[in-house]
């Protein structure tokens, strides 16, 4: 089962990267629970979504902003009905042509062979800097004073 699931997961990421959302959505439960821990100010289509319709809208909104060059699972770990996936994500920002590269971690839960939950993590600080095309200045001295 783990090898079959591993191949299925890799195939689903390939379909998503190529803009073929139907196979990905078909693999999801109608009540899928998706949560991305990304800053909503920069990635307004992410956040918490519930159900296939909301997930499909998220996919479409992301596709309008970015074109995937690479979405490659680097590591897939499966235990029971759970999978952890580390992804290399390289995409072109449509508005600027900028290439954004980051690593993501996604945690999937399955029930009866269908995805029922996705948790998505990325280095949001790095992602925001790349999307904005500039470094974000942080005043470490004032940060230390606030947390002392």
Protein backbone atom coordinates (compact mmCIF):
# COMPACT_ATOMS: atom_id res chain seq x y z
CA UNK A 1 0.00 0.00 0.00
CA UNK A 2 2.66 2.63 0.85
CA UNK A 3 4.37 2.28 -2.55
CA UNK A 4 1.04 2.52 -4.38
CA UNK A 5 0.12 5.58 -2.33
CA UNK A 6 3.56 7.12 -2.89
CA UNK A 7 3.18 6.80 -6.68
CA UNK A 8 -0.34 8.17 -6.52
CA UNK A 9 0.84 11.20 -4.50
CA UNK A 10 3.66 11.93 -6.96
CA UNK A 11 1.19 11.67 -9.85
CA UNK A 12 -1.22 14.07 -8.13
CA UNK A 13 1.49 16.70 -7.70
CA UNK A 14 2.47 16.30 -11.37
CA UNK A 15 -1.15 16.79 -12.42
CA UNK A 16 -1.49 19.88 -10.22
CA UNK A 17 1.73 21.43 -11.56
CA UNK A 18 0.45 20.95 -15.12
CA UNK A 19 -2.85 22.66 -14.32
CA UNK A 20 -4.85 19.43 -14.46
CA UNK A 21 -6.91 19.96 -11.34
CA UNK A 22 -9.64 17.39 -12.04
CA UNK A 23 -7.55 14.34 -11.03
CA UNK A 24 -6.41 16.11 -7.87
CA UNK A 25 -9.95 17.10 -6.90
CA UNK A 26 -11.21 13.59 -7.73
CA UNK A 27 -8.72 12.23 -5.19
CA UNK A 28 -10.15 14.50 -2.48
CA UNK A 29 -13.09 13.94 -0.21
CA UNK A 30 -16.07 16.26 -0.78
CA UNK A 31 -15.44 17.74 2.69
CA UNK A 32 -11.68 18.20 2.32
CA UNK A 33 -10.14 20.51 4.91
CA UNK A 34 -7.24 22.60 3.55
CA UNK A 35 -5.13 24.95 5.63
CA UNK A 36 -2.08 26.82 4.40
CA UNK A 37 0.06 28.67 6.92
CA UNK A 38 1.00 31.45 4.50
CA UNK A 39 0.56 35.21 4.91
CA UNK A 40 -2.87 36.09 3.52
CA UNK A 41 -1.77 39.64 2.63
CA UNK A 42 0.55 38.22 -0.01
CA UNK A 43 -1.26 34.97 -0.79
CA UNK A 44 -4.96 35.88 -0.35
CA UNK A 45 -6.18 32.69 -2.03
CA UNK A 46 -4.52 30.52 0.63
CA UNK A 47 -5.55 30.18 4.26
CA UNK A 48 -8.31 27.86 5.45
CA UNK A 49 -10.63 26.31 2.86
CA UNK A 50 -13.29 23.66 3.31
CA UNK A 51 -14.77 21.46 0.60
CA UNK A 52 -13.89 20.67 -3.00
CA UNK A 53 -15.50 23.80 -4.42
CA UNK A 54 -13.39 26.06 -2.19
CA UNK A 55 -10.26 24.03 -2.94
CA UNK A 56 -10.91 24.27 -6.69
CA UNK A 57 -11.26 28.06 -6.36
CA UNK A 58 -7.94 28.16 -4.50
CA UNK A 59 -6.26 26.15 -7.25
CA UNK A 60 -7.63 28.47 -9.94
CA UNK A 61 -6.63 31.63 -8.05
CA UNK A 62 -3.10 30.32 -7.51
CA UNK A 63 -2.85 29.38 -11.20
CA UNK A 64 -3.77 32.95 -12.18
CA UNK A 65 -0.85 34.25 -10.10
CA UNK A 66 1.80 31.62 -10.80
CA UNK A 67 2.87 29.15 -13.45
CA UNK A 68 4.70 26.09 -12.12
CA UNK A 69 8.06 25.31 -13.63
CA UNK A 70 8.80 22.58 -11.10
CA UNK A 71 6.71 21.03 -8.34
CA UNK A 72 8.77 18.07 -7.29
CA UNK A 73 8.21 15.86 -4.27
CA UNK A 74 11.69 15.42 -2.78
CA UNK A 75 10.56 13.23 0.08
CA UNK A 76 7.36 11.32 0.75
CA UNK A 77 6.90 9.60 4.10
CA UNK A 78 3.81 7.48 4.64
CA UNK A 79 2.51 6.12 7.91
CA UNK A 80 -0.92 4.52 8.11
CA UNK A 81 -3.35 7.03 6.53
CA UNK A 82 -0.94 9.97 6.69
CA UNK A 83 1.66 11.28 4.29
CA UNK A 84 4.28 13.98 4.72
CA UNK A 85 5.63 15.51 1.52
CA UNK A 86 8.60 17.87 1.13
CA UNK A 87 8.32 19.74 -2.16
CA UNK A 88 10.65 21.81 -4.28
CA UNK A 89 8.44 24.49 -5.79
CA UNK A 90 9.74 26.70 -8.59
CA UNK A 91 7.20 28.94 -10.28
CA UNK A 92 6.98 32.01 -12.45
CA UNK A 93 5.01 34.94 -11.09
CA UNK A 94 2.76 35.89 -13.99
CA UNK A 95 2.57 39.62 -13.14
CA UNK A 96 6.34 40.16 -13.00
CA UNK A 97 7.94 37.15 -14.69
CA UNK A 98 9.98 36.65 -11.51
CA UNK A 99 11.02 33.10 -10.67
CA UNK A 100 10.05 32.10 -7.13
CA UNK A 101 11.73 29.07 -5.58
CA UNK A 102 10.92 27.65 -2.20
CA UNK A 103 10.52 24.47 -0.24
CA UNK A 104 7.12 23.45 1.07
CA UNK A 105 5.96 20.80 3.47
CA UNK A 106 2.51 19.32 3.08
CA UNK A 107 0.85 16.87 5.40
CA UNK A 108 -1.97 14.80 3.95
CA UNK A 109 -4.50 12.61 5.71
CA UNK A 110 -6.43 9.92 3.83
CA UNK A 111 -9.67 8.09 4.58
CA UNK A 112 -10.95 5.32 2.33
CA UNK A 113 -8.25 6.24 -0.21
CA UNK A 114 -9.29 9.91 -0.48
CA UNK A 115 -7.53 13.01 0.83
CA UNK A 116 -9.53 14.46 3.72
CA UNK A 117 -7.02 16.99 5.08
CA UNK A 118 -4.07 19.02 3.79
CA UNK A 119 -1.79 21.16 5.92
CA UNK A 120 0.63 23.33 3.95
CA UNK A 121 3.75 25.04 5.32
CA UNK A 122 6.29 27.19 3.53
CA UNK A 123 9.11 29.53 4.45
CA UNK A 124 6.72 32.45 4.26
CA UNK A 125 9.37 35.09 5.00
CA UNK A 126 11.48 33.94 2.06
CA UNK A 127 8.42 33.53 -0.16
CA UNK A 128 7.19 37.07 0.59
CA UNK A 129 10.61 38.55 -0.18
CA UNK A 130 10.72 36.72 -3.51
CA UNK A 131 7.16 37.67 -4.47
CA UNK A 132 7.75 41.32 -3.55
CA UNK A 133 11.14 41.27 -5.26
CA UNK A 134 12.94 42.86 -2.34
CA UNK A 135 14.35 42.08 1.07
CA UNK A 136 12.21 42.89 4.06
CA UNK A 137 14.10 45.02 6.55
CA UNK A 138 13.81 43.98 10.17
CA UNK A 139 14.94 46.20 13.01
CA UNK A 140 16.36 43.54 15.31
CA UNK A 141 17.12 46.05 18.09
CA UNK A 142 13.48 47.09 18.39
CA UNK A 143 12.37 43.46 18.10
CA UNK A 144 14.60 42.52 21.04
CA UNK A 145 13.19 45.36 23.14
CA UNK A 146 9.61 44.23 22.47
CA UNK A 147 10.30 40.64 23.50
CA UNK A 148 12.57 41.33 26.48
